[in-house]
Amino acid sequence: MKLKKLATPRNSLLLGGLLLAALIPVLIGRNQYTLVLACTVLLYSVLATGWNLIGGLGGQLDLAAWAYVGLGAFTTGSLLGRLNITPWLGMPLGGLVAMAVAAVVGLPLFRFKVRGVWYALSSSALVQVLYTIFMMWTDVGGPMNRYLPTATWSWYNLRFNTYYPYYYLLLALLVLALLINYRVRHTKLGYQLLAVGESEEAAEVLGVDARSAKLKALMIYAFLSGVTGGIYTCIYGFYQAKFFDSNLSTEIAILGIVGGMGITYGPLLAAVVLVAGREFLRANLGTVVEGSYLAVYAVVLILIVLFRPSGLAVLAQDIYKFFRTRLLKRDYVRPDLTAGR
């Protein structure tokens, strides 16, 4: 009976998508460029899915994703480069560091009810503050790249001469982020965040502790971003102060909004469509006219905002319902009421 409940069309699509994602490295063979592109899409998908907790459910326009990515990257990279501590320990520690910073920043912001455009500016400022700190802090950061040890390629150092292991690590982290989103969405915290996102004043009148709910969502999102930062620095083999990037943080928020606010798989869908599309345009138009791919990318975003402001996930739901209705109509046979007369 339980198996029948789980065997829904939606779960079948999710399982099929997961199997397809797991087979992508096999399908593309030894094409390392395509594998790097797939890793990039997964990385953005994890970050945007984590952002969905605070931005999509909680309604807070957070622009600090790469502040937490940078903290995770510096924690993982410093532990490996200086103390030879494996990234398997460095990545969760990086997530905890990012979570602690998020708590320190989020407590006063939520305590004094900073929200809307002021919260967006404050979170964006965090990226710039951390960039300046790590640029000036030469013992840890500084203006130069700090490279990870490459003497040995091993699972202990999480350093490989191929991108296959990184792909599956990011895929596993994406599945974890989706499960956390789904779990939070269907718990008390999720309903509290949805209420806060609609109207914080009304939610508090109903007894919702808005400050606590938003802080929990922010800390979970920061932890996922910090762990992602640890994988990011292992992929590229170095870490630097420029990891604290405001432009990339804004792009994560764009993916969350365009994908569908509060919809679990919305940011993933937006990352697959927009990030993969952007890289395709960069490869094909970047050499024709410099920056032309950005113009096409911007036009696509404008069209989505104008004609489907609710997000790509809602568009995908409408397409699914349309084809499902057509198939049901085709399978339906009208009974012959004159039979037997």
C-alpha atoms as a PDB file:
ATOM      1  CA  MET A   1       0.000   0.000   0.000  1.00  0.00           C
ATOM      2  CA  LYS A   2       2.818   2.390   0.850  1.00  0.00           C
ATOM      3  CA  LEU A   3       4.530   1.620  -2.451  1.00  0.00           C
ATOM      4  CA  LYS A   4       1.340   2.583  -4.314  1.00  0.00           C
ATOM      5  CA  LYS A   5       1.246   5.906  -2.491  1.00  0.00           C
ATOM      6  CA  LEU A   6       4.869   6.609  -3.417  1.00  0.00           C
ATOM      7  CA  ALA A   7       4.386   5.570  -7.057  1.00  0.00           C
ATOM      8  CA  THR A   8       2.833   8.875  -8.109  1.00  0.00           C
ATOM      9  CA  PRO A   9       3.541  10.556 -11.472  1.00  0.00           C
ATOM     10  CA  ARG A  10       5.454  13.349  -9.723  1.00  0.00           C
ATOM     11  CA  ASN A  11       7.669  10.937  -7.779  1.00  0.00           C
ATOM     12  CA  SER A  12       8.255   8.933 -10.951  1.00  0.00           C
ATOM     13  CA  LEU A  13       9.413  12.095 -12.742  1.00  0.00           C
ATOM     14  CA  LEU A  14      11.720  12.984  -9.852  1.00  0.00           C
ATOM     15  CA  LEU A  15      13.201   9.492  -9.789  1.00  0.00           C
ATOM     16  CA  GLY A  16      13.653   9.545 -13.562  1.00  0.00           C
ATOM     17  CA  GLY A  17      15.361  12.928 -13.341  1.00  0.00           C
ATOM     18  CA  LEU A  18      17.707  11.676 -10.626  1.00  0.00           C
ATOM     19  CA  LEU A  19      18.636   8.590 -12.660  1.00  0.00           C
ATOM     20  CA  LEU A  20      19.258  10.756 -15.731  1.00  0.00           C
ATOM     21  CA  ALA A  21      21.452  13.097 -13.696  1.00  0.00           C
ATOM     22  CA  ALA A  22      23.436  10.135 -12.369  1.00  0.00           C
ATOM     23  CA  LEU A  23      23.990   8.870 -15.930  1.00  0.00           C
ATOM     24  CA  ILE A  24      25.112  12.200 -17.430  1.00  0.00           C
ATOM     25  CA  PRO A  25      28.856  11.556 -16.864  1.00  0.00           C
ATOM     26  CA  VAL A  26      28.449   8.190 -18.599  1.00  0.00           C
ATOM     27  CA  LEU A  27      26.535   9.717 -21.513  1.00  0.00           C
ATOM     28  CA  ILE A  28      29.005  12.534 -22.179  1.00  0.00           C
ATOM     29  CA  GLY A  29      32.015  10.233 -21.998  1.00  0.00           C
ATOM     30  CA  ARG A  30      35.407  11.912 -21.574  1.00  0.00           C
ATOM     31  CA  ASN A  31      34.307  15.404 -22.550  1.00  0.00           C
ATOM     32  CA  GLN A  32      35.711  17.312 -19.571  1.00  0.00           C
ATOM     33  CA  TYR A  33      34.303  20.674 -20.706  1.00  0.00           C
ATOM     34  CA  THR A  34      30.744  19.359 -20.673  1.00  0.00           C
ATOM     35  CA  LEU A  35      31.407  17.781 -17.279  1.00  0.00           C
ATOM     36  CA  VAL A  36      32.652  21.119 -15.917  1.00  0.00           C
ATOM     37  CA  LEU A  37      29.472  22.722 -17.248  1.00  0.00           C
ATOM     38  CA  ALA A  38      27.382  20.054 -15.496  1.00  0.00           C
ATOM     39  CA  CYS A  39      29.276  20.672 -12.237  1.00  0.00           C
ATOM     40  CA  THR A  40      28.634  24.411 -12.590  1.00  0.00           C
ATOM     41  CA  VAL A  41      24.909  23.822 -13.064  1.00  0.00           C
ATOM     42  CA  LEU A  42      24.810  21.565  -9.996  1.00  0.00           C
ATOM     43  CA  LEU A  43      26.736  24.083  -7.895  1.00  0.00           C
ATOM     44  CA  TYR A  44      24.339  26.892  -8.769  1.00  0.00           C
ATOM     45  CA  SER A  45      21.413  24.527  -8.207  1.00  0.00           C
ATOM     46  CA  VAL A  46      22.555  23.750  -4.656  1.00  0.00           C
ATOM     47  CA  LEU A  47      23.043  27.422  -3.812  1.00  0.00           C
ATOM     48  CA  ALA A  48      19.712  28.493  -5.320  1.00  0.00           C
ATOM     49  CA  THR A  49      17.883  25.614  -3.604  1.00  0.00           C
ATOM     50  CA  GLY A  50      19.375  26.665  -0.274  1.00  0.00           C
ATOM     51  CA  TRP A  51      18.400  30.297  -0.996  1.00  0.00           C
ATOM     52  CA  ASN A  52      14.820  29.120  -1.503  1.00  0.00           C
ATOM     53  CA  LEU A  53      14.498  28.599   2.261  1.00  0.00           C
ATOM     54  CA  ILE A  54      15.121  32.212   3.245  1.00  0.00           C
ATOM     55  CA  GLY A  55      14.095  33.874  -0.019  1.00  0.00           C
ATOM     56  CA  GLY A  56      11.349  31.701  -1.455  1.00  0.00           C
ATOM     57  CA  LEU A  57       9.634  30.587   1.750  1.00  0.00           C
ATOM     58  CA  GLY A  58      10.641  33.405   4.088  1.00  0.00           C
ATOM     59  CA  GLY A  59      10.296  36.201   1.550  1.00  0.00           C
ATOM     60  CA  GLN A  60      13.673  37.783   2.441  1.00  0.00           C
ATOM     61  CA  LEU A  61      15.692  39.076  -0.518  1.00  0.00           C
ATOM     62  CA  ASP A  62      19.058  37.732   0.608  1.00  0.00           C
ATOM     63  CA  LEU A  63      22.076  38.722  -1.506  1.00  0.00           C
ATOM     64  CA  ALA A  64      24.838  37.124   0.544  1.00  0.00           C
ATOM     65  CA  ALA A  65      25.136  33.633  -0.946  1.00  0.00           C
ATOM     66  CA  TRP A  66      28.778  34.022  -1.926  1.00  0.00           C
ATOM     67  CA  ALA A  67      29.676  35.451   1.456  1.00  0.00           C
ATOM     68  CA  TYR A  68      28.912  32.014   2.893  1.00  0.00           C
ATOM     69  CA  VAL A  69      30.496  30.247  -0.092  1.00  0.00           C
ATOM     70  CA  GLY A  70      33.690  32.225   0.494  1.00  0.00           C
ATOM     71  CA  LEU A  71      33.732  31.416   4.200  1.00  0.00           C
ATOM     72  CA  GLY A  72      33.339  27.722   3.425  1.00  0.00           C
ATOM     73  CA  ALA A  73      36.075  27.882   0.795  1.00  0.00           C
ATOM     74  CA  PHE A  74      38.546  29.659   3.097  1.00  0.00           C
ATOM     75  CA  THR A  75      37.821  27.309   6.001  1.00  0.00           C
ATOM     76  CA  THR A  76      38.223  24.144   3.914  1.00  0.00           C
ATOM     77  CA  GLY A  77      41.222  25.467   1.988  1.00  0.00           C
ATOM     78  CA  SER A  78      43.057  26.795   5.046  1.00  0.00           C
ATOM     79  CA  LEU A  79      42.576  23.587   7.029  1.00  0.00           C
ATOM     80  CA  LEU A  80      43.857  21.489   4.124  1.00  0.00           C
ATOM     81  CA  GLY A  81      46.720  23.776   3.091  1.00  0.00           C
ATOM     82  CA  ARG A  82      48.014  24.649   6.555  1.00  0.00           C
ATOM     83  CA  LEU A  83      47.114  21.678   8.761  1.00  0.00           C
ATOM     84  CA  ASN A  84      46.572  18.910   6.199  1.00  0.00           C
ATOM     85  CA  ILE A  85      43.048  18.342   7.543  1.00  0.00           C
ATOM     86  CA  THR A  86      40.878  16.517   5.043  1.00  0.00           C
ATOM     87  CA  PRO A  87      38.080  18.474   3.295  1.00  0.00           C
ATOM     88  CA  TRP A  88      35.672  15.792   4.531  1.00  0.00           C
ATOM     89  CA  LEU A  89      36.064  17.525   7.895  1.00  0.00           C
ATOM     90  CA  GLY A  90      36.764  20.973   6.472  1.00  0.00           C
ATOM     91  CA  MET A  91      33.525  21.186   4.470  1.00  0.00           C
ATOM     92  CA  PRO A  92      31.103  20.718   7.420  1.00  0.00           C
ATOM     93  CA  LEU A  93      33.325  22.995   9.523  1.00  0.00           C
ATOM     94  CA  GLY A  94      33.110  25.578   6.756  1.00  0.00           C
ATOM     95  CA  GLY A  95      29.352  25.199   6.815  1.00  0.00           C
ATOM     96  CA  LEU A  96      29.340  25.759  10.587  1.00  0.00           C
ATOM     97  CA  VAL A  97      31.526  28.871  10.243  1.00  0.00           C
ATOM     98  CA  ALA A  98      29.131  30.246   7.621  1.00  0.00           C
ATOM     99  CA  MET A  99      26.191  29.370   9.871  1.00  0.00           C
ATOM    100  CA  ALA A 100      27.789  31.184  12.834  1.00  0.00           C
ATOM    101  CA  VAL A 101      28.413  34.326  10.767  1.00  0.00           C
ATOM    102  CA  ALA A 102      24.838  34.182   9.471  1.00  0.00           C
ATOM    103  CA  ALA A 103      23.563  33.993  13.059  1.00  0.00           C
ATOM    104  CA  VAL A 104      25.701  36.951  14.151  1.00  0.00           C
ATOM    105  CA  VAL A 105      24.478  39.048  11.213  1.00  0.00           C
ATOM    106  CA  GLY A 106      20.898  37.804  11.207  1.00  0.00           C
ATOM    107  CA  LEU A 107      20.151  38.293  14.913  1.00  0.00           C
ATOM    108  CA  PRO A 108      20.333  42.116  14.922  1.00  0.00           C
ATOM    109  CA  LEU A 109      18.753  42.431  11.465  1.00  0.00           C
ATOM    110  CA  PHE A 110      15.746  40.331  12.401  1.00  0.00           C
ATOM    111  CA  ARG A 111      15.630  41.777  15.931  1.00  0.00           C
ATOM    112  CA  PHE A 112      15.147  45.300  14.541  1.00  0.00           C
ATOM    113  CA  LYS A 113      12.835  44.044  11.760  1.00  0.00           C
ATOM    114  CA  VAL A 114      15.121  44.963   8.880  1.00  0.00           C
ATOM    115  CA  ARG A 115      13.475  43.609   5.756  1.00  0.00           C
ATOM    116  CA  GLY A 116      12.722  44.352   2.129  1.00  0.00           C
ATOM    117  CA  VAL A 117      15.233  46.462   0.252  1.00  0.00           C
ATOM    118  CA  TRP A 118      17.102  47.308   3.471  1.00  0.00           C
ATOM    119  CA  TYR A 119      17.695  43.634   4.225  1.00  0.00           C
ATOM    120  CA  ALA A 120      18.862  43.118   0.626  1.00  0.00           C
ATOM    121  CA  LEU A 121      21.354  45.998   0.955  1.00  0.00           C
ATOM    122  CA  SER A 122      22.578  44.732   4.333  1.00  0.00           C
ATOM    123  CA  SER A 123      23.163  41.195   3.057  1.00  0.00           C
ATOM    124  CA  SER A 124      24.926  42.529  -0.038  1.00  0.00           C
ATOM    125  CA  ALA A 125      27.112  44.698   2.186  1.00  0.00           C
ATOM    126  CA  LEU A 126      28.177  41.571   4.095  1.00  0.00           C
ATOM    127  CA  VAL A 127      29.810  40.251   0.922  1.00  0.00           C
ATOM    128  CA  GLN A 128      31.795  43.462   0.470  1.00  0.00           C
ATOM    129  CA  VAL A 129      32.822  43.570   4.129  1.00  0.00           C
ATOM    130  CA  LEU A 130      34.143  40.010   4.034  1.00  0.00           C
ATOM    131  CA  TYR A 131      35.896  40.686   0.727  1.00  0.00           C
ATOM    132  CA  THR A 132      37.722  43.659   2.270  1.00  0.00           C
ATOM    133  CA  ILE A 133      38.607  41.743   5.450  1.00  0.00           C
ATOM    134  CA  PHE A 134      40.080  38.755   3.620  1.00  0.00           C
ATOM    135  CA  MET A 135      41.816  40.965   1.073  1.00  0.00           C
ATOM    136  CA  MET A 136      43.615  42.835   3.884  1.00  0.00           C
ATOM    137  CA  TRP A 137      44.122  39.784   6.131  1.00  0.00           C
ATOM    138  CA  THR A 138      47.276  38.529   4.466  1.00  0.00           C
ATOM    139  CA  ASP A 139      47.904  35.718   6.986  1.00  0.00           C
ATOM    140  CA  VAL A 140      44.768  33.934   5.754  1.00  0.00           C
ATOM    141  CA  GLY A 141      43.792  35.612   2.493  1.00  0.00           C
ATOM    142  CA  GLY A 142      45.377  38.541   0.733  1.00  0.00           C
ATOM    143  CA  PRO A 143      45.295  39.621  -2.910  1.00  0.00           C
ATOM    144  CA  MET A 144      47.066  36.491  -4.187  1.00  0.00           C
ATOM    145  CA  ASN A 145      45.615  33.051  -4.886  1.00  0.00           C
ATOM    146  CA  ARG A 146      46.287  30.402  -2.264  1.00  0.00           C
ATOM    147  CA  TYR A 147      46.664  26.998  -3.875  1.00  0.00           C
ATOM    148  CA  LEU A 148      45.781  23.645  -2.402  1.00  0.00           C
ATOM    149  CA  PRO A 149      48.448  20.911  -2.266  1.00  0.00           C
ATOM    150  CA  THR A 150      48.573  18.900  -5.490  1.00  0.00           C
ATOM    151  CA  ALA A 151      51.371  16.479  -4.606  1.00  0.00           C
ATOM    152  CA  THR A 152      48.911  13.643  -4.133  1.00  0.00           C
ATOM    153  CA  TRP A 153      45.549  13.084  -5.814  1.00  0.00           C
ATOM    154  CA  SER A 154      43.396  11.234  -3.342  1.00  0.00           C
ATOM    155  CA  TRP A 155      40.023  11.016  -1.644  1.00  0.00           C
ATOM    156  CA  TYR A 156      41.627  12.257   1.566  1.00  0.00           C
ATOM    157  CA  ASN A 157      42.612  15.571  -0.031  1.00  0.00           C
ATOM    158  CA  LEU A 158      39.527  15.546  -2.278  1.00  0.00           C
ATOM    159  CA  ARG A 159      41.818  16.396  -5.183  1.00  0.00           C
ATOM    160  CA  PHE A 160      41.434  14.567  -8.492  1.00  0.00           C
ATOM    161  CA  ASN A 161      42.648  14.936 -12.067  1.00  0.00           C
ATOM    162  CA  THR A 162      39.086  14.449 -13.334  1.00  0.00           C
ATOM    163  CA  TYR A 163      35.734  16.088 -12.531  1.00  0.00           C
ATOM    164  CA  TYR A 164      33.706  12.887 -12.130  1.00  0.00           C
ATOM    165  CA  PRO A 165      34.001  12.677  -8.305  1.00  0.00           C
ATOM    166  CA  TYR A 166      33.102  16.360  -7.931  1.00  0.00           C
ATOM    167  CA  TYR A 167      30.032  15.879 -10.085  1.00  0.00           C
ATOM    168  CA  TYR A 168      28.662  13.116  -7.881  1.00  0.00           C
ATOM    169  CA  LEU A 169      29.547  15.022  -4.692  1.00  0.00           C
ATOM    170  CA  LEU A 170      27.583  18.025  -5.927  1.00  0.00           C
ATOM    171  CA  LEU A 171      24.728  15.779  -7.050  1.00  0.00           C
ATOM    172  CA  ALA A 172      24.557  14.213  -3.570  1.00  0.00           C
ATOM    173  CA  LEU A 173      24.600  17.684  -1.981  1.00  0.00           C
ATOM    174  CA  LEU A 174      21.814  18.796  -4.333  1.00  0.00           C
ATOM    175  CA  VAL A 175      19.663  15.824  -3.325  1.00  0.00           C
ATOM    176  CA  LEU A 176      20.300  16.717   0.327  1.00  0.00           C
ATOM    177  CA  ALA A 177      19.326  20.363  -0.308  1.00  0.00           C
ATOM    178  CA  LEU A 178      16.122  19.289  -2.072  1.00  0.00           C
ATOM    179  CA  LEU A 179      15.220  16.923   0.755  1.00  0.00           C
ATOM    180  CA  ILE A 180      15.816  19.669   3.329  1.00  0.00           C
ATOM    181  CA  ASN A 181      13.638  22.051   1.308  1.00  0.00           C
ATOM    182  CA  TYR A 182      10.869  19.499   1.022  1.00  0.00           C
ATOM    183  CA  ARG A 183      11.077  18.602   4.695  1.00  0.00           C
ATOM    184  CA  VAL A 184      11.065  22.218   5.872  1.00  0.00           C
ATOM    185  CA  ARG A 185       8.237  23.103   3.489  1.00  0.00           C
ATOM    186  CA  HIS A 186       5.953  20.500   5.096  1.00  0.00           C
ATOM    187  CA  THR A 187       6.778  21.196   8.734  1.00  0.00           C
ATOM    188  CA  LYS A 188       5.755  23.865  11.208  1.00  0.00           C
ATOM    189  CA  LEU A 189       8.814  25.931  10.281  1.00  0.00           C
ATOM    190  CA  GLY A 190       7.793  25.911   6.621  1.00  0.00           C
ATOM    191  CA  TYR A 191       4.280  27.145   7.362  1.00  0.00           C
ATOM    192  CA  GLN A 192       5.712  29.823   9.629  1.00  0.00           C
ATOM    193  CA  LEU A 193       8.086  30.992   6.890  1.00  0.00           C
ATOM    194  CA  LEU A 194       5.260  31.092   4.344  1.00  0.00           C
ATOM    195  CA  ALA A 195       3.196  33.184   6.730  1.00  0.00           C
ATOM    196  CA  VAL A 196       6.107  35.541   7.365  1.00  0.00           C
ATOM    197  CA  GLY A 197       6.733  35.832   3.631  1.00  0.00           C
ATOM    198  CA  GLU A 198       3.119  36.874   3.034  1.00  0.00           C
ATOM    199  CA  SER A 199       2.872  39.364   5.918  1.00  0.00           C
ATOM    200  CA  GLU A 200       5.220  39.417   8.877  1.00  0.00           C
ATOM    201  CA  GLU A 201       2.875  41.583  10.962  1.00  0.00           C
ATOM    202  CA  ALA A 202      -0.098  39.276  10.370  1.00  0.00           C
ATOM    203  CA  ALA A 203       2.032  36.220  11.137  1.00  0.00           C
ATOM    204  CA  GLU A 204       3.157  37.694  14.464  1.00  0.00           C
ATOM    205  CA  VAL A 205      -0.442  38.511  15.366  1.00  0.00           C
ATOM    206  CA  LEU A 206      -1.217  34.811  14.869  1.00  0.00           C
ATOM    207  CA  GLY A 207       1.594  33.886  17.269  1.00  0.00           C
ATOM    208  CA  VAL A 208       4.427  33.138  14.826  1.00  0.00           C
ATOM    209  CA  ASP A 209       7.930  33.947  16.101  1.00  0.00           C
ATOM    210  CA  ALA A 210       9.087  35.589  12.867  1.00  0.00           C
ATOM    211  CA  ARG A 211      12.608  36.314  14.114  1.00  0.00           C
ATOM    212  CA  SER A 212      13.241  32.697  15.112  1.00  0.00           C
ATOM    213  CA  ALA A 213      11.782  31.268  11.885  1.00  0.00           C
ATOM    214  CA  LYS A 214      13.815  33.547   9.626  1.00  0.00           C
ATOM    215  CA  LEU A 215      17.001  32.956  11.607  1.00  0.00           C
ATOM    216  CA  LYS A 216      16.625  29.169  11.340  1.00  0.00           C
ATOM    217  CA  ALA A 217      16.083  29.390   7.570  1.00  0.00           C
ATOM    218  CA  LEU A 218      19.075  31.725   7.181  1.00  0.00           C
ATOM    219  CA  MET A 219      21.365  29.407   9.146  1.00  0.00           C
ATOM    220  CA  ILE A 220      20.361  26.309   7.148  1.00  0.00           C
ATOM    221  CA  TYR A 221      20.892  28.215   3.903  1.00  0.00           C
ATOM    222  CA  ALA A 222      24.291  29.482   5.112  1.00  0.00           C
ATOM    223  CA  PHE A 223      25.381  25.974   6.109  1.00  0.00           C
ATOM    224  CA  LEU A 224      24.538  24.533   2.671  1.00  0.00           C
ATOM    225  CA  SER A 225      26.361  27.429   1.003  1.00  0.00           C
ATOM    226  CA  GLY A 226      29.426  26.946   3.211  1.00  0.00           C
ATOM    227  CA  VAL A 227      29.662  23.240   2.395  1.00  0.00           C
ATOM    228  CA  THR A 228      29.279  24.082  -1.293  1.00  0.00           C
ATOM    229  CA  GLY A 229      32.146  26.554  -0.939  1.00  0.00           C
ATOM    230  CA  GLY A 230      34.363  23.744   0.353  1.00  0.00           C
ATOM    231  CA  ILE A 231      33.661  21.643  -2.733  1.00  0.00           C
ATOM    232  CA  TYR A 232      34.129  24.722  -4.932  1.00  0.00           C
ATOM    233  CA  THR A 233      37.655  25.389  -3.690  1.00  0.00           C
ATOM    234  CA  CYS A 234      38.601  21.712  -4.112  1.00  0.00           C
ATOM    235  CA  ILE A 235      37.359  21.732  -7.709  1.00  0.00           C
ATOM    236  CA  TYR A 236      39.436  24.747  -8.710  1.00  0.00           C
ATOM    237  CA  GLY A 237      42.392  24.009  -6.446  1.00  0.00           C
ATOM    238  CA  PHE A 238      42.716  27.474  -4.874  1.00  0.00           C
ATOM    239  CA  TYR A 239      40.867  30.069  -2.830  1.00  0.00           C
ATOM    240  CA  GLN A 240      41.033  33.856  -2.884  1.00  0.00           C
ATOM    241  CA  ALA A 241      39.270  36.950  -1.574  1.00  0.00           C
ATOM    242  CA  LYS A 242      37.476  37.405  -4.895  1.00  0.00           C
ATOM    243  CA  PHE A 243      35.298  34.419  -3.960  1.00  0.00           C
ATOM    244  CA  PHE A 244      33.248  36.978  -2.034  1.00  0.00           C
ATOM    245  CA  ASP A 245      31.389  38.138  -5.140  1.00  0.00           C
ATOM    246  CA  SER A 246      28.280  40.357  -5.000  1.00  0.00           C
ATOM    247  CA  ASN A 247      27.400  39.759  -8.654  1.00  0.00           C
ATOM    248  CA  LEU A 248      27.281  35.993  -8.211  1.00  0.00           C
ATOM    249  CA  SER A 249      25.229  36.422  -5.031  1.00  0.00           C
ATOM    250  CA  THR A 250      22.684  38.442  -6.991  1.00  0.00           C
ATOM    251  CA  GLU A 251      22.588  35.734  -9.652  1.00  0.00           C
ATOM    252  CA  ILE A 252      21.680  33.130  -7.026  1.00  0.00           C
ATOM    253  CA  ALA A 253      18.726  35.283  -5.947  1.00  0.00           C
ATOM    254  CA  ILE A 254      17.680  35.675  -9.604  1.00  0.00           C
ATOM    255  CA  LEU A 255      17.655  31.895 -10.040  1.00  0.00           C
ATOM    256  CA  GLY A 256      15.508  31.490  -6.940  1.00  0.00           C
ATOM    257  CA  ILE A 257      13.016  34.128  -8.089  1.00  0.00           C
ATOM    258  CA  VAL A 258      12.832  33.051 -11.734  1.00  0.00           C
ATOM    259  CA  GLY A 259      12.538  29.381 -10.764  1.00  0.00           C
ATOM    260  CA  GLY A 260       9.492  29.972  -8.597  1.00  0.00           C
ATOM    261  CA  MET A 261       9.397  31.412  -5.099  1.00  0.00           C
ATOM    262  CA  GLY A 262       8.879  28.731  -2.474  1.00  0.00           C
ATOM    263  CA  ILE A 263       8.670  25.816  -4.932  1.00  0.00           C
ATOM    264  CA  THR A 264      11.153  23.103  -3.980  1.00  0.00           C
ATOM    265  CA  TYR A 265      12.388  22.252  -7.467  1.00  0.00           C
ATOM    266  CA  GLY A 266      11.985  25.779  -8.896  1.00  0.00           C
ATOM    267  CA  PRO A 267      15.592  26.966  -8.327  1.00  0.00           C
ATOM    268  CA  LEU A 268      16.904  23.671  -9.750  1.00  0.00           C
ATOM    269  CA  LEU A 269      14.842  24.145 -12.911  1.00  0.00           C
ATOM    270  CA  ALA A 270      16.021  27.742 -13.259  1.00  0.00           C
ATOM    271  CA  ALA A 271      19.661  26.713 -12.853  1.00  0.00           C
ATOM    272  CA  VAL A 272      19.356  23.977 -15.478  1.00  0.00           C
ATOM    273  CA  VAL A 273      17.706  26.337 -17.982  1.00  0.00           C
ATOM    274  CA  LEU A 274      19.489  29.629 -17.305  1.00  0.00           C
ATOM    275  CA  VAL A 275      22.984  28.589 -16.231  1.00  0.00           C
ATOM    276  CA  ALA A 276      23.321  25.945 -18.937  1.00  0.00           C
ATOM    277  CA  GLY A 277      21.820  28.387 -21.452  1.00  0.00           C
ATOM    278  CA  ARG A 278      24.205  31.139 -20.393  1.00  0.00           C
ATOM    279  CA  GLU A 279      27.254  28.917 -20.800  1.00  0.00           C
ATOM    280  CA  PHE A 280      25.986  27.692 -24.180  1.00  0.00           C
ATOM    281  CA  LEU A 281      25.561  31.288 -25.353  1.00  0.00           C
ATOM    282  CA  ARG A 282      28.979  32.206 -23.981  1.00  0.00           C
ATOM    283  CA  ALA A 283      30.596  29.370 -25.950  1.00  0.00           C
ATOM    284  CA  ASN A 284      28.781  30.182 -29.200  1.00  0.00           C
ATOM    285  CA  LEU A 285      28.374  33.964 -29.114  1.00  0.00           C
ATOM    286  CA  GLY A 286      31.224  35.032 -26.877  1.00  0.00           C
ATOM    287  CA  THR A 287      33.727  34.980 -29.721  1.00  0.00           C
ATOM    288  CA  VAL A 288      31.419  36.759 -32.174  1.00  0.00           C
ATOM    289  CA  VAL A 289      30.794  39.988 -30.282  1.00  0.00           C
ATOM    290  CA  GLU A 290      32.230  40.382 -26.812  1.00  0.00           C
ATOM    291  CA  GLY A 291      29.440  40.385 -24.237  1.00  0.00           C
ATOM    292  CA  SER A 292      26.707  39.541 -26.764  1.00  0.00           C
ATOM    293  CA  TYR A 293      25.716  36.425 -24.841  1.00  0.00           C
ATOM    294  CA  LEU A 294      24.874  38.627 -21.846  1.00  0.00           C
ATOM    295  CA  ALA A 295      22.441  40.647 -23.967  1.00  0.00           C
ATOM    296  CA  VAL A 296      20.650  37.484 -25.104  1.00  0.00           C
ATOM    297  CA  TYR A 297      20.651  36.178 -21.529  1.00  0.00           C
ATOM    298  CA  ALA A 298      19.103  39.440 -20.315  1.00  0.00           C
ATOM    299  CA  VAL A 299      16.387  39.300 -22.995  1.00  0.00           C
ATOM    300  CA  VAL A 300      15.477  35.753 -21.914  1.00  0.00           C
ATOM    301  CA  LEU A 301      15.180  36.897 -18.286  1.00  0.00           C
ATOM    302  CA  ILE A 302      12.978  39.839 -19.283  1.00  0.00           C
ATOM    303  CA  LEU A 303      10.675  37.569 -21.307  1.00  0.00           C
ATOM    304  CA  ILE A 304      10.310  35.179 -18.372  1.00  0.00           C
ATOM    305  CA  VAL A 305       9.504  38.043 -15.981  1.00  0.00           C
ATOM    306  CA  LEU A 306       6.963  39.547 -18.402  1.00  0.00           C
ATOM    307  CA  PHE A 307       5.116  36.420 -19.495  1.00  0.00           C
ATOM    308  CA  ARG A 308       5.635  34.012 -16.582  1.00  0.00           C
ATOM    309  CA  PRO A 309       6.347  36.079 -13.440  1.00  0.00           C
ATOM    310  CA  SER A 310       5.267  33.187 -11.208  1.00  0.00           C
ATOM    311  CA  GLY A 311       8.365  31.254 -12.297  1.00  0.00           C
ATOM    312  CA  LEU A 312       9.577  28.434 -14.505  1.00  0.00           C
ATOM    313  CA  ALA A 313       8.307  25.817 -12.056  1.00  0.00           C
ATOM    314  CA  VAL A 314       4.725  27.029 -12.528  1.00  0.00           C
ATOM    315  CA  LEU A 315       5.244  26.957 -16.295  1.00  0.00           C
ATOM    316  CA  ALA A 316       6.491  23.369 -16.020  1.00  0.00           C
ATOM    317  CA  GLN A 317       3.438  22.469 -13.915  1.00  0.00           C
ATOM    318  CA  ASP A 318       1.103  23.972 -16.521  1.00  0.00           C
ATOM    319  CA  ILE A 319       2.805  22.033 -19.331  1.00  0.00           C
ATOM    320  CA  TYR A 320       2.611  18.811 -17.291  1.00  0.00           C
ATOM    321  CA  LYS A 321      -1.097  19.331 -16.570  1.00  0.00           C
ATOM    322  CA  PHE A 322      -1.793  20.107 -20.239  1.00  0.00           C
ATOM    323  CA  PHE A 323      -0.199  16.918 -21.555  1.00  0.00           C
ATOM    324  CA  ARG A 324      -1.667  14.855 -18.738  1.00  0.00           C
ATOM    325  CA  THR A 325      -5.158  16.138 -19.584  1.00  0.00           C
ATOM    326  CA  ARG A 326      -4.647  15.391 -23.262  1.00  0.00           C
ATOM    327  CA  LEU A 327      -3.510  11.857 -22.508  1.00  0.00           C
ATOM    328  CA  LEU A 328      -6.469  11.234 -20.188  1.00  0.00           C
ATOM    329  CA  LYS A 329      -8.883  12.479 -22.841  1.00  0.00           C
ATOM    330  CA  ARG A 330      -7.304  10.226 -25.453  1.00  0.00           C
ATOM    331  CA  ASP A 331      -7.561   7.174 -23.180  1.00  0.00           C
ATOM    332  CA  TYR A 332     -11.176   7.941 -22.235  1.00  0.00           C
ATOM    333  CA  VAL A 333     -13.744   5.974 -24.288  1.00  0.00           C
ATOM    334  CA  ARG A 334     -17.275   7.383 -24.348  1.00  0.00           C
ATOM    335  CA  PRO A 335     -19.783   4.640 -23.458  1.00  0.00           C
ATOM    336  CA  ASP A 336     -22.312   3.642 -26.111  1.00  0.00           C
ATOM    337  CA  LEU A 337     -25.659   4.499 -24.506  1.00  0.00           C
ATOM    338  CA  THR A 338     -27.639   2.930 -27.377  1.00  0.00           C
ATOM    339  CA  ALA A 339     -26.123  -0.500 -26.865  1.00  0.00           C
ATOM    340  CA  GLY A 340     -28.677  -3.179 -26.035  1.00  0.00           C
ATOM    341  CA  ARG A 341     -31.662  -1.300 -27.449  1.00  0.00           C
END
